[in-house]
N, C-alpha and C. Protein backbone atom coordinates (compact mmCIF):
# COMPACT_ATOMS: atom_id res chain seq x y z
N MET A 1 5.96 -24.94 -26.01
CA MET A 1 6.93 -26.03 -25.84
C MET A 1 6.36 -27.12 -24.96
N ILE A 2 6.51 -28.37 -25.39
CA ILE A 2 6.05 -29.51 -24.60
C ILE A 2 7.28 -30.23 -24.05
N LEU A 3 7.42 -30.20 -22.74
CA LEU A 3 8.49 -30.99 -22.13
C LEU A 3 8.12 -32.46 -22.23
N GLN A 4 9.04 -33.27 -22.65
CA GLN A 4 8.81 -34.70 -22.71
C GLN A 4 9.88 -35.42 -21.91
N SER A 5 9.55 -36.62 -21.52
CA SER A 5 10.55 -37.46 -20.86
C SER A 5 11.44 -38.06 -21.94
N LYS A 6 12.61 -37.46 -22.14
CA LYS A 6 13.48 -37.85 -23.25
C LYS A 6 14.36 -39.05 -22.90
N TRP A 7 14.50 -39.34 -21.63
CA TRP A 7 15.39 -40.42 -21.21
C TRP A 7 14.65 -41.75 -21.25
N SER A 8 15.40 -42.79 -21.43
CA SER A 8 14.86 -44.14 -21.34
C SER A 8 15.87 -45.01 -20.59
N ALA A 9 15.48 -46.22 -20.32
CA ALA A 9 16.40 -47.12 -19.61
C ALA A 9 17.68 -47.36 -20.40
N THR A 10 17.59 -47.28 -21.73
CA THR A 10 18.79 -47.52 -22.52
C THR A 10 19.68 -46.29 -22.59
N GLN A 11 19.11 -45.10 -22.40
CA GLN A 11 19.91 -43.88 -22.45
C GLN A 11 20.60 -43.58 -21.12
N ALA A 12 19.96 -43.93 -20.03
CA ALA A 12 20.52 -43.63 -18.72
C ALA A 12 21.62 -44.64 -18.41
N PRO A 13 22.81 -44.17 -18.06
CA PRO A 13 23.92 -45.09 -17.79
C PRO A 13 23.58 -46.11 -16.71
N HIS A 14 23.81 -47.38 -17.01
CA HIS A 14 23.64 -48.48 -16.05
C HIS A 14 22.18 -48.72 -15.68
N ALA A 15 21.22 -48.07 -16.36
CA ALA A 15 19.81 -48.22 -15.97
C ALA A 15 19.18 -49.42 -16.66
N ARG A 16 18.34 -50.13 -15.93
CA ARG A 16 17.60 -51.24 -16.50
C ARG A 16 16.09 -51.09 -16.26
N GLY A 17 15.69 -50.29 -15.30
CA GLY A 17 14.27 -50.11 -15.00
C GLY A 17 13.79 -48.72 -15.36
N ARG A 18 12.71 -48.30 -14.76
CA ARG A 18 12.14 -47.00 -15.06
C ARG A 18 13.06 -45.88 -14.60
N VAL A 19 13.00 -44.76 -15.31
CA VAL A 19 13.73 -43.56 -14.92
C VAL A 19 12.83 -42.73 -14.01
N ILE A 20 13.39 -42.24 -12.95
CA ILE A 20 12.65 -41.51 -11.92
C ILE A 20 13.13 -40.07 -11.87
N GLY A 21 12.20 -39.14 -11.75
CA GLY A 21 12.54 -37.72 -11.60
C GLY A 21 12.54 -37.33 -10.14
N LEU A 22 13.47 -36.43 -9.76
CA LEU A 22 13.64 -36.05 -8.36
C LEU A 22 13.98 -34.57 -8.28
N ASP A 23 13.27 -33.85 -7.41
CA ASP A 23 13.55 -32.43 -7.20
C ASP A 23 13.11 -32.06 -5.79
N GLU A 24 13.60 -30.90 -5.31
CA GLU A 24 13.25 -30.44 -3.97
C GLU A 24 12.84 -28.98 -4.00
N VAL A 25 12.13 -28.57 -2.96
CA VAL A 25 11.78 -27.16 -2.76
C VAL A 25 11.98 -26.81 -1.29
N GLY A 26 12.20 -25.52 -1.05
CA GLY A 26 12.32 -25.03 0.32
C GLY A 26 13.73 -24.93 0.84
N ARG A 27 14.70 -25.10 -0.02
CA ARG A 27 16.10 -25.08 0.43
C ARG A 27 16.47 -23.74 1.07
N GLY A 28 16.04 -22.65 0.49
CA GLY A 28 16.43 -21.34 0.99
C GLY A 28 15.45 -20.69 1.95
N ALA A 29 14.38 -21.38 2.30
CA ALA A 29 13.37 -20.79 3.17
C ALA A 29 13.89 -20.60 4.59
N TRP A 30 13.29 -19.67 5.31
CA TRP A 30 13.65 -19.40 6.70
C TRP A 30 12.85 -20.26 7.68
N ALA A 31 11.77 -20.86 7.19
CA ALA A 31 10.89 -21.63 8.07
C ALA A 31 10.34 -22.84 7.32
N GLY A 32 9.96 -23.83 8.11
CA GLY A 32 9.32 -25.00 7.52
C GLY A 32 10.30 -26.02 6.98
N PRO A 33 9.77 -27.11 6.45
CA PRO A 33 10.61 -28.23 6.02
C PRO A 33 11.19 -28.03 4.62
N LEU A 34 12.17 -28.84 4.32
CA LEU A 34 12.63 -29.07 2.96
C LEU A 34 11.85 -30.28 2.44
N VAL A 35 11.30 -30.18 1.23
CA VAL A 35 10.48 -31.26 0.69
C VAL A 35 11.02 -31.66 -0.68
N ALA A 36 11.26 -32.95 -0.86
CA ALA A 36 11.62 -33.50 -2.15
C ALA A 36 10.48 -34.38 -2.64
N ALA A 37 10.37 -34.49 -3.96
CA ALA A 37 9.40 -35.40 -4.56
C ALA A 37 10.11 -36.26 -5.60
N ALA A 38 9.74 -37.52 -5.63
CA ALA A 38 10.21 -38.46 -6.62
C ALA A 38 9.01 -38.93 -7.44
N VAL A 39 9.15 -38.95 -8.77
CA VAL A 39 8.03 -39.26 -9.66
C VAL A 39 8.47 -40.29 -10.69
N VAL A 40 7.58 -41.23 -10.96
CA VAL A 40 7.79 -42.22 -12.01
C VAL A 40 6.72 -42.02 -13.08
N PHE A 41 7.15 -41.83 -14.32
CA PHE A 41 6.24 -41.65 -15.45
C PHE A 41 6.01 -42.97 -16.17
N PRO A 42 4.86 -43.10 -16.84
CA PRO A 42 4.73 -44.17 -17.83
C PRO A 42 5.63 -43.86 -19.03
N SER A 43 5.88 -44.86 -19.86
CA SER A 43 6.74 -44.63 -21.02
C SER A 43 6.08 -43.67 -22.00
N ARG A 44 6.92 -42.91 -22.70
CA ARG A 44 6.47 -41.97 -23.73
C ARG A 44 5.46 -40.97 -23.20
N PHE A 45 5.70 -40.51 -22.02
CA PHE A 45 4.76 -39.56 -21.39
C PHE A 45 4.99 -38.14 -21.90
N LYS A 46 3.90 -37.42 -22.12
CA LYS A 46 3.99 -35.98 -22.36
C LYS A 46 2.69 -35.34 -21.91
N LEU A 47 2.79 -34.09 -21.48
CA LEU A 47 1.64 -33.34 -21.00
C LEU A 47 1.81 -31.90 -21.42
N GLU A 48 0.96 -31.43 -22.28
CA GLU A 48 1.09 -30.08 -22.84
C GLU A 48 1.06 -29.03 -21.74
N GLY A 49 2.02 -28.08 -21.81
CA GLY A 49 2.08 -26.98 -20.86
C GLY A 49 2.87 -27.27 -19.60
N LEU A 50 3.32 -28.53 -19.44
CA LEU A 50 4.08 -28.89 -18.25
C LEU A 50 5.41 -28.13 -18.22
N LYS A 51 5.68 -27.48 -17.10
CA LYS A 51 6.90 -26.69 -16.94
C LYS A 51 7.42 -26.85 -15.52
N ASP A 52 8.63 -26.37 -15.32
CA ASP A 52 9.18 -26.23 -13.97
C ASP A 52 8.19 -25.45 -13.11
N SER A 53 8.05 -25.85 -11.87
CA SER A 53 7.05 -25.23 -10.98
C SER A 53 7.25 -23.72 -10.82
N LYS A 54 8.49 -23.25 -10.91
CA LYS A 54 8.76 -21.81 -10.74
C LYS A 54 8.21 -20.99 -11.91
N GLN A 55 7.93 -21.64 -13.03
CA GLN A 55 7.41 -20.95 -14.19
C GLN A 55 5.89 -21.00 -14.29
N LEU A 56 5.24 -21.56 -13.28
CA LEU A 56 3.79 -21.70 -13.27
C LEU A 56 3.17 -20.87 -12.17
N THR A 57 1.96 -20.40 -12.39
CA THR A 57 1.21 -19.71 -11.35
C THR A 57 0.75 -20.74 -10.31
N PRO A 58 0.38 -20.30 -9.11
CA PRO A 58 -0.13 -21.26 -8.12
C PRO A 58 -1.31 -22.08 -8.62
N ASP A 59 -2.24 -21.46 -9.32
CA ASP A 59 -3.39 -22.21 -9.85
C ASP A 59 -2.94 -23.24 -10.88
N ALA A 60 -1.99 -22.86 -11.72
CA ALA A 60 -1.48 -23.81 -12.73
C ALA A 60 -0.76 -24.97 -12.06
N ARG A 61 0.00 -24.70 -11.00
CA ARG A 61 0.67 -25.79 -10.28
C ARG A 61 -0.34 -26.77 -9.70
N GLU A 62 -1.41 -26.25 -9.13
CA GLU A 62 -2.45 -27.12 -8.58
C GLU A 62 -3.09 -27.96 -9.68
N PHE A 63 -3.33 -27.34 -10.82
CA PHE A 63 -3.93 -28.07 -11.95
C PHE A 63 -3.01 -29.20 -12.41
N PHE A 64 -1.73 -28.89 -12.60
CA PHE A 64 -0.82 -29.92 -13.08
C PHE A 64 -0.58 -31.00 -12.03
N ALA A 65 -0.56 -30.62 -10.75
CA ALA A 65 -0.42 -31.64 -9.71
C ALA A 65 -1.58 -32.63 -9.78
N TYR A 66 -2.78 -32.11 -10.00
CA TYR A 66 -3.96 -32.98 -10.12
C TYR A 66 -3.85 -33.88 -11.35
N ARG A 67 -3.46 -33.30 -12.49
CA ARG A 67 -3.34 -34.08 -13.72
C ARG A 67 -2.24 -35.14 -13.59
N LEU A 68 -1.13 -34.75 -12.97
CA LEU A 68 -0.03 -35.70 -12.83
C LEU A 68 -0.39 -36.86 -11.91
N GLN A 69 -1.21 -36.59 -10.90
CA GLN A 69 -1.65 -37.67 -10.03
C GLN A 69 -2.48 -38.70 -10.79
N GLN A 70 -3.13 -38.26 -11.85
CA GLN A 70 -3.96 -39.17 -12.64
C GLN A 70 -3.13 -40.04 -13.59
N CYS A 71 -1.95 -39.55 -14.00
CA CYS A 71 -1.23 -40.27 -15.05
C CYS A 71 0.15 -40.76 -14.64
N ALA A 72 0.71 -40.29 -13.54
CA ALA A 72 2.01 -40.80 -13.11
C ALA A 72 1.86 -42.23 -12.61
N VAL A 73 2.90 -43.03 -12.78
CA VAL A 73 2.89 -44.40 -12.26
C VAL A 73 2.84 -44.37 -10.74
N GLU A 74 3.68 -43.55 -10.13
CA GLU A 74 3.66 -43.33 -8.69
C GLU A 74 4.53 -42.14 -8.35
N TRP A 75 4.37 -41.66 -7.12
CA TRP A 75 5.18 -40.56 -6.62
C TRP A 75 5.31 -40.69 -5.12
N SER A 76 6.31 -40.00 -4.59
CA SER A 76 6.57 -40.09 -3.16
C SER A 76 7.24 -38.80 -2.70
N TYR A 77 7.10 -38.49 -1.41
CA TYR A 77 7.70 -37.28 -0.85
C TYR A 77 8.75 -37.63 0.20
N GLY A 78 9.76 -36.80 0.27
CA GLY A 78 10.75 -36.89 1.33
C GLY A 78 10.78 -35.58 2.09
N ILE A 79 10.48 -35.61 3.37
CA ILE A 79 10.39 -34.39 4.19
C ILE A 79 11.52 -34.37 5.20
N VAL A 80 12.21 -33.24 5.26
CA VAL A 80 13.21 -33.01 6.30
C VAL A 80 12.76 -31.79 7.08
N HIS A 81 12.47 -31.99 8.35
CA HIS A 81 11.85 -30.94 9.16
C HIS A 81 12.87 -29.85 9.53
N HIS A 82 12.33 -28.73 9.96
CA HIS A 82 13.18 -27.58 10.25
C HIS A 82 14.20 -27.88 11.34
N TRP A 83 13.82 -28.68 12.33
CA TRP A 83 14.78 -28.99 13.40
C TRP A 83 15.89 -29.93 12.89
N GLU A 84 15.57 -30.75 11.90
CA GLU A 84 16.61 -31.59 11.31
C GLU A 84 17.57 -30.74 10.47
N ILE A 85 17.04 -29.74 9.79
CA ILE A 85 17.90 -28.83 9.03
C ILE A 85 18.87 -28.13 9.97
N ASP A 86 18.38 -27.67 11.12
CA ASP A 86 19.24 -27.04 12.10
C ASP A 86 20.32 -28.00 12.61
N ALA A 87 19.94 -29.26 12.77
CA ALA A 87 20.87 -30.25 13.33
C ALA A 87 21.91 -30.71 12.31
N PHE A 88 21.48 -30.93 11.06
CA PHE A 88 22.35 -31.57 10.07
C PHE A 88 22.98 -30.59 9.08
N GLY A 89 22.38 -29.40 8.93
CA GLY A 89 22.82 -28.48 7.90
C GLY A 89 22.03 -28.70 6.61
N ILE A 90 21.98 -27.68 5.77
CA ILE A 90 21.11 -27.74 4.59
C ILE A 90 21.63 -28.71 3.54
N VAL A 91 22.93 -28.89 3.42
CA VAL A 91 23.45 -29.81 2.40
C VAL A 91 23.05 -31.25 2.71
N GLU A 92 23.25 -31.67 3.95
CA GLU A 92 22.85 -33.01 4.35
C GLU A 92 21.33 -33.15 4.33
N ALA A 93 20.60 -32.10 4.69
CA ALA A 93 19.14 -32.13 4.65
C ALA A 93 18.65 -32.37 3.22
N ASN A 94 19.31 -31.73 2.25
CA ASN A 94 18.96 -31.90 0.85
C ASN A 94 19.13 -33.37 0.43
N ARG A 95 20.26 -33.95 0.78
CA ARG A 95 20.51 -35.36 0.45
C ARG A 95 19.50 -36.27 1.13
N LEU A 96 19.21 -35.99 2.39
CA LEU A 96 18.28 -36.81 3.15
C LEU A 96 16.87 -36.73 2.57
N ALA A 97 16.45 -35.55 2.13
CA ALA A 97 15.12 -35.41 1.52
C ALA A 97 15.03 -36.25 0.25
N PHE A 98 16.08 -36.24 -0.56
CA PHE A 98 16.10 -37.05 -1.77
C PHE A 98 15.99 -38.54 -1.44
N VAL A 99 16.79 -38.99 -0.49
CA VAL A 99 16.80 -40.40 -0.13
C VAL A 99 15.44 -40.83 0.42
N ARG A 100 14.84 -40.01 1.27
CA ARG A 100 13.53 -40.34 1.83
C ARG A 100 12.45 -40.42 0.75
N ALA A 101 12.50 -39.51 -0.22
CA ALA A 101 11.53 -39.56 -1.31
C ALA A 101 11.67 -40.85 -2.11
N LEU A 102 12.90 -41.23 -2.40
CA LEU A 102 13.13 -42.45 -3.18
C LEU A 102 12.74 -43.70 -2.40
N GLN A 103 12.95 -43.68 -1.10
CA GLN A 103 12.60 -44.85 -0.29
C GLN A 103 11.10 -45.08 -0.24
N GLY A 104 10.31 -44.06 -0.55
CA GLY A 104 8.86 -44.20 -0.54
C GLY A 104 8.28 -44.80 -1.80
N LEU A 105 9.10 -45.02 -2.82
CA LEU A 105 8.62 -45.58 -4.08
C LEU A 105 8.62 -47.10 -4.05
N ASN A 106 7.69 -47.67 -4.78
CA ASN A 106 7.69 -49.11 -4.99
C ASN A 106 8.49 -49.51 -6.22
N ALA A 107 8.67 -48.56 -7.16
CA ALA A 107 9.38 -48.85 -8.40
C ALA A 107 10.84 -49.19 -8.11
N VAL A 108 11.39 -50.03 -8.96
CA VAL A 108 12.81 -50.34 -8.86
C VAL A 108 13.60 -49.08 -9.20
N THR A 109 14.47 -48.68 -8.29
CA THR A 109 15.19 -47.42 -8.45
C THR A 109 16.48 -47.68 -9.23
N GLU A 110 16.32 -47.90 -10.55
CA GLU A 110 17.49 -48.22 -11.37
C GLU A 110 18.28 -46.97 -11.74
N HIS A 111 17.59 -45.89 -12.07
CA HIS A 111 18.30 -44.66 -12.41
C HIS A 111 17.40 -43.47 -12.13
N ILE A 112 18.02 -42.40 -11.62
CA ILE A 112 17.28 -41.21 -11.22
C ILE A 112 17.84 -40.00 -11.94
N LEU A 113 16.94 -39.15 -12.43
CA LEU A 113 17.32 -37.85 -12.95
C LEU A 113 17.02 -36.83 -11.86
N VAL A 114 18.04 -36.09 -11.44
CA VAL A 114 17.93 -35.21 -10.29
C VAL A 114 18.23 -33.77 -10.71
N ASP A 115 17.42 -32.84 -10.26
CA ASP A 115 17.67 -31.44 -10.55
C ASP A 115 18.82 -30.92 -9.69
N GLY A 116 19.75 -30.19 -10.32
CA GLY A 116 20.79 -29.50 -9.57
C GLY A 116 22.14 -30.19 -9.62
N LEU A 117 23.02 -29.69 -8.74
CA LEU A 117 24.38 -30.21 -8.65
C LEU A 117 24.42 -31.51 -7.85
N PRO A 118 25.43 -32.33 -8.05
CA PRO A 118 25.49 -33.60 -7.33
C PRO A 118 25.53 -33.43 -5.81
N VAL A 119 24.88 -34.34 -5.12
CA VAL A 119 24.98 -34.43 -3.66
C VAL A 119 25.68 -35.75 -3.35
N SER A 120 26.44 -35.76 -2.27
CA SER A 120 27.25 -36.94 -1.96
C SER A 120 27.27 -37.16 -0.44
N PRO A 121 27.25 -38.44 0.00
CA PRO A 121 27.15 -39.64 -0.83
C PRO A 121 25.70 -39.88 -1.26
N PHE A 122 25.51 -40.43 -2.47
CA PHE A 122 24.17 -40.69 -2.97
C PHE A 122 24.07 -42.18 -3.28
N PRO A 123 23.17 -42.90 -2.60
CA PRO A 123 23.20 -44.37 -2.65
C PRO A 123 22.49 -44.98 -3.85
N TYR A 124 22.19 -44.18 -4.88
CA TYR A 124 21.51 -44.69 -6.06
C TYR A 124 22.22 -44.21 -7.32
N PRO A 125 22.13 -44.97 -8.41
CA PRO A 125 22.68 -44.47 -9.68
C PRO A 125 21.85 -43.29 -10.16
N ALA A 126 22.49 -42.17 -10.40
CA ALA A 126 21.74 -40.95 -10.72
C ALA A 126 22.53 -40.06 -11.66
N THR A 127 21.78 -39.27 -12.42
CA THR A 127 22.36 -38.22 -13.24
C THR A 127 21.83 -36.89 -12.71
N PHE A 128 22.73 -36.01 -12.30
CA PHE A 128 22.35 -34.70 -11.79
C PHE A 128 22.42 -33.69 -12.94
N LEU A 129 21.34 -32.96 -13.14
CA LEU A 129 21.23 -32.04 -14.26
C LEU A 129 20.96 -30.63 -13.75
N VAL A 130 21.89 -29.71 -13.99
CA VAL A 130 21.65 -28.31 -13.66
C VAL A 130 20.50 -27.80 -14.50
N ARG A 131 19.55 -27.14 -13.85
CA ARG A 131 18.31 -26.68 -14.49
C ARG A 131 17.57 -27.84 -15.13
N GLY A 132 17.65 -28.99 -14.48
CA GLY A 132 16.97 -30.17 -14.98
C GLY A 132 15.47 -30.03 -15.02
N ASP A 133 14.91 -29.20 -14.11
CA ASP A 133 13.47 -29.00 -14.10
C ASP A 133 12.98 -28.22 -15.32
N GLU A 134 13.90 -27.62 -16.07
CA GLU A 134 13.55 -26.94 -17.31
C GLU A 134 13.85 -27.81 -18.52
N ARG A 135 14.48 -28.97 -18.31
CA ARG A 135 14.95 -29.80 -19.42
C ARG A 135 14.24 -31.15 -19.51
N GLU A 136 13.79 -31.67 -18.38
CA GLU A 136 13.21 -33.01 -18.36
C GLU A 136 11.82 -32.97 -17.72
N ALA A 137 10.85 -33.53 -18.43
CA ALA A 137 9.47 -33.50 -17.94
C ALA A 137 9.33 -34.19 -16.59
N VAL A 138 10.04 -35.29 -16.40
CA VAL A 138 9.88 -36.05 -15.16
C VAL A 138 10.43 -35.26 -13.96
N ILE A 139 11.46 -34.42 -14.18
CA ILE A 139 11.95 -33.57 -13.10
C ILE A 139 11.00 -32.40 -12.87
N ALA A 140 10.47 -31.83 -13.95
CA ALA A 140 9.48 -30.75 -13.81
C ALA A 140 8.28 -31.23 -13.00
N ALA A 141 7.85 -32.46 -13.26
CA ALA A 141 6.74 -33.02 -12.49
C ALA A 141 7.10 -33.14 -11.01
N ALA A 142 8.31 -33.59 -10.73
CA ALA A 142 8.75 -33.69 -9.33
C ALA A 142 8.76 -32.32 -8.66
N SER A 143 9.17 -31.29 -9.41
CA SER A 143 9.20 -29.94 -8.84
C SER A 143 7.80 -29.47 -8.51
N ILE A 144 6.82 -29.82 -9.34
CA ILE A 144 5.43 -29.42 -9.09
C ILE A 144 4.87 -30.15 -7.88
N PHE A 145 5.08 -31.46 -7.82
CA PHE A 145 4.61 -32.22 -6.66
C PHE A 145 5.20 -31.66 -5.36
N ALA A 146 6.50 -31.41 -5.36
CA ALA A 146 7.15 -30.93 -4.14
C ALA A 146 6.66 -29.55 -3.75
N LYS A 147 6.52 -28.67 -4.73
CA LYS A 147 6.09 -27.30 -4.45
C LYS A 147 4.67 -27.25 -3.91
N VAL A 148 3.76 -27.96 -4.55
CA VAL A 148 2.36 -27.94 -4.11
C VAL A 148 2.24 -28.55 -2.71
N PHE A 149 2.96 -29.65 -2.48
CA PHE A 149 2.90 -30.30 -1.17
C PHE A 149 3.43 -29.37 -0.08
N ARG A 150 4.58 -28.74 -0.33
CA ARG A 150 5.16 -27.86 0.69
C ARG A 150 4.31 -26.62 0.91
N ASP A 151 3.78 -26.04 -0.16
CA ASP A 151 2.92 -24.86 0.00
C ASP A 151 1.71 -25.18 0.87
N ASN A 152 1.15 -26.37 0.69
CA ASN A 152 0.01 -26.76 1.53
C ASN A 152 0.41 -26.91 2.99
N LEU A 153 1.61 -27.42 3.25
CA LEU A 153 2.09 -27.51 4.63
C LEU A 153 2.23 -26.12 5.25
N LEU A 154 2.74 -25.17 4.47
CA LEU A 154 2.92 -23.82 5.00
C LEU A 154 1.60 -23.10 5.21
N ARG A 155 0.61 -23.39 4.37
CA ARG A 155 -0.72 -22.82 4.60
C ARG A 155 -1.30 -23.36 5.90
N ALA A 156 -1.07 -24.63 6.17
CA ALA A 156 -1.54 -25.21 7.44
C ALA A 156 -0.81 -24.58 8.62
N ALA A 157 0.49 -24.32 8.47
CA ALA A 157 1.25 -23.68 9.54
C ALA A 157 0.76 -22.27 9.82
N ASN A 158 0.19 -21.65 8.82
CA ASN A 158 -0.32 -20.29 8.99
C ASN A 158 -1.44 -20.22 10.03
N THR A 159 -2.19 -21.30 10.18
CA THR A 159 -3.26 -21.32 11.18
C THR A 159 -2.69 -21.34 12.60
N LEU A 160 -1.49 -21.91 12.76
CA LEU A 160 -0.84 -21.95 14.06
C LEU A 160 -0.05 -20.69 14.35
N TYR A 161 0.50 -20.08 13.30
CA TYR A 161 1.35 -18.90 13.46
C TYR A 161 0.90 -17.80 12.49
N PRO A 162 -0.32 -17.30 12.65
CA PRO A 162 -0.84 -16.32 11.68
C PRO A 162 -0.04 -15.03 11.65
N GLN A 163 0.65 -14.72 12.73
CA GLN A 163 1.39 -13.46 12.80
C GLN A 163 2.56 -13.39 11.83
N PHE A 164 2.98 -14.54 11.29
CA PHE A 164 4.16 -14.56 10.42
C PHE A 164 3.82 -14.51 8.93
N GLY A 165 2.57 -14.72 8.57
CA GLY A 165 2.18 -14.62 7.17
C GLY A 165 2.65 -15.75 6.29
N PHE A 166 2.77 -16.97 6.85
CA PHE A 166 3.25 -18.10 6.06
C PHE A 166 2.37 -18.37 4.84
N TYR A 167 1.09 -18.05 4.94
CA TYR A 167 0.19 -18.28 3.81
C TYR A 167 0.67 -17.54 2.57
N ASP A 168 1.24 -16.36 2.78
CA ASP A 168 1.66 -15.53 1.65
C ASP A 168 3.06 -15.89 1.14
N HIS A 169 4.04 -15.97 2.04
CA HIS A 169 5.43 -16.12 1.58
C HIS A 169 5.97 -17.53 1.71
N LYS A 170 5.21 -18.46 2.30
CA LYS A 170 5.59 -19.88 2.40
C LYS A 170 6.94 -20.09 3.11
N GLY A 171 7.26 -19.16 4.03
CA GLY A 171 8.47 -19.33 4.82
C GLY A 171 9.72 -18.71 4.24
N TYR A 172 9.63 -18.13 3.05
CA TYR A 172 10.81 -17.53 2.42
C TYR A 172 11.08 -16.13 2.98
N GLY A 173 12.26 -15.62 2.67
CA GLY A 173 12.74 -14.39 3.30
C GLY A 173 12.25 -13.11 2.63
N THR A 174 10.98 -12.87 2.71
CA THR A 174 10.41 -11.65 2.14
C THR A 174 10.48 -10.50 3.15
N ALA A 175 10.20 -9.29 2.65
CA ALA A 175 10.15 -8.13 3.53
C ALA A 175 9.06 -8.31 4.60
N GLN A 176 7.93 -8.86 4.21
CA GLN A 176 6.84 -9.12 5.16
C GLN A 176 7.30 -10.06 6.26
N HIS A 177 8.02 -11.09 5.89
CA HIS A 177 8.50 -12.06 6.86
C HIS A 177 9.52 -11.42 7.81
N ARG A 178 10.39 -10.60 7.26
CA ARG A 178 11.40 -9.93 8.08
C ARG A 178 10.75 -9.02 9.12
N VAL A 179 9.73 -8.27 8.72
CA VAL A 179 9.03 -7.39 9.64
C VAL A 179 8.38 -8.21 10.76
N ALA A 180 7.76 -9.34 10.40
CA ALA A 180 7.12 -10.19 11.40
C ALA A 180 8.13 -10.76 12.38
N LEU A 181 9.28 -11.14 11.90
CA LEU A 181 10.31 -11.67 12.78
C LEU A 181 10.82 -10.61 13.76
N LYS A 182 10.97 -9.40 13.28
CA LYS A 182 11.42 -8.31 14.16
C LYS A 182 10.37 -8.03 15.22
N ALA A 183 9.10 -8.19 14.87
CA ALA A 183 8.02 -7.90 15.81
C ALA A 183 7.77 -9.04 16.79
N HIS A 184 7.90 -10.27 16.34
CA HIS A 184 7.46 -11.41 17.15
C HIS A 184 8.57 -12.39 17.53
N GLY A 185 9.77 -12.23 16.97
CA GLY A 185 10.83 -13.18 17.24
C GLY A 185 10.64 -14.46 16.44
N ILE A 186 11.39 -15.48 16.78
CA ILE A 186 11.40 -16.73 16.04
C ILE A 186 10.41 -17.72 16.66
N SER A 187 9.61 -18.35 15.81
CA SER A 187 8.66 -19.36 16.28
C SER A 187 9.32 -20.73 16.30
N ARG A 188 8.59 -21.73 16.79
CA ARG A 188 9.09 -23.11 16.79
C ARG A 188 9.14 -23.69 15.39
N PHE A 189 8.55 -23.02 14.42
CA PHE A 189 8.50 -23.51 13.05
C PHE A 189 9.66 -22.98 12.21
N HIS A 190 10.45 -22.08 12.78
CA HIS A 190 11.55 -21.46 12.03
C HIS A 190 12.83 -22.29 12.12
N ARG A 191 13.70 -22.06 11.14
CA ARG A 191 15.03 -22.65 11.13
C ARG A 191 15.98 -21.70 11.85
N ARG A 192 16.30 -22.04 13.06
CA ARG A 192 17.11 -21.14 13.88
C ARG A 192 18.50 -20.92 13.27
N SER A 193 19.03 -21.94 12.60
CA SER A 193 20.36 -21.81 12.01
C SER A 193 20.39 -20.82 10.85
N PHE A 194 19.22 -20.47 10.31
CA PHE A 194 19.14 -19.50 9.23
C PHE A 194 18.92 -18.09 9.73
N LEU A 195 18.63 -17.95 11.03
CA LEU A 195 18.10 -16.67 11.52
C LEU A 195 18.85 -16.15 12.75
N SER A 196 20.15 -16.25 12.74
CA SER A 196 20.93 -15.82 13.92
C SER A 196 20.71 -14.34 14.24
N SER A 197 20.47 -13.52 13.23
CA SER A 197 20.30 -12.09 13.48
C SER A 197 18.99 -11.78 14.17
N PHE A 198 18.04 -12.72 14.17
CA PHE A 198 16.75 -12.48 14.81
C PHE A 198 16.62 -13.18 16.16
N LEU A 199 17.63 -13.91 16.58
CA LEU A 199 17.56 -14.60 17.86
C LEU A 199 17.58 -13.62 19.00
N ARG A 200 16.73 -13.85 19.97
CA ARG A 200 16.66 -12.96 21.14
C ARG A 200 17.29 -13.64 22.33
């Protein structure tokens, strides 16, 4: 199956410019930032084998991220740090990551295709699509950009906090991560609001 960008400016309600794909990763993680990516495709774009990042191996995600960098019009990231998640809550952090990613684009933000349920308030015309990363190529691309970028951040964090195994689980709630938290407590890189049972 080849995911294609099926939307156009005439199909997207109220859109006059390019359609932009938007997705985030890290929402359920116990540590590290929430990362969103916004991607703009050229018209009639398709790339064989392109899928939602969750359906790709790590090597395949790296390959597609490289290929997408060669052919996307532009892309941008929105990062919400762990301390901001603790301060604002995950719902607001999700919205903020999306807005920051879009603010980094030069393209006119006429209409956005966003993976998932609607977030509010959202200051741009957008269509929210449940499982959009499985339906629209431009959202799948955003999911890959966001996933690869965040995974690289967590690998870097592993050098500072090797005892937690961030290289392996990327901050998510695995059995390995749980054991490390019980042994070492919470680091400065963790989301304290997610980990009340581990607070000392």
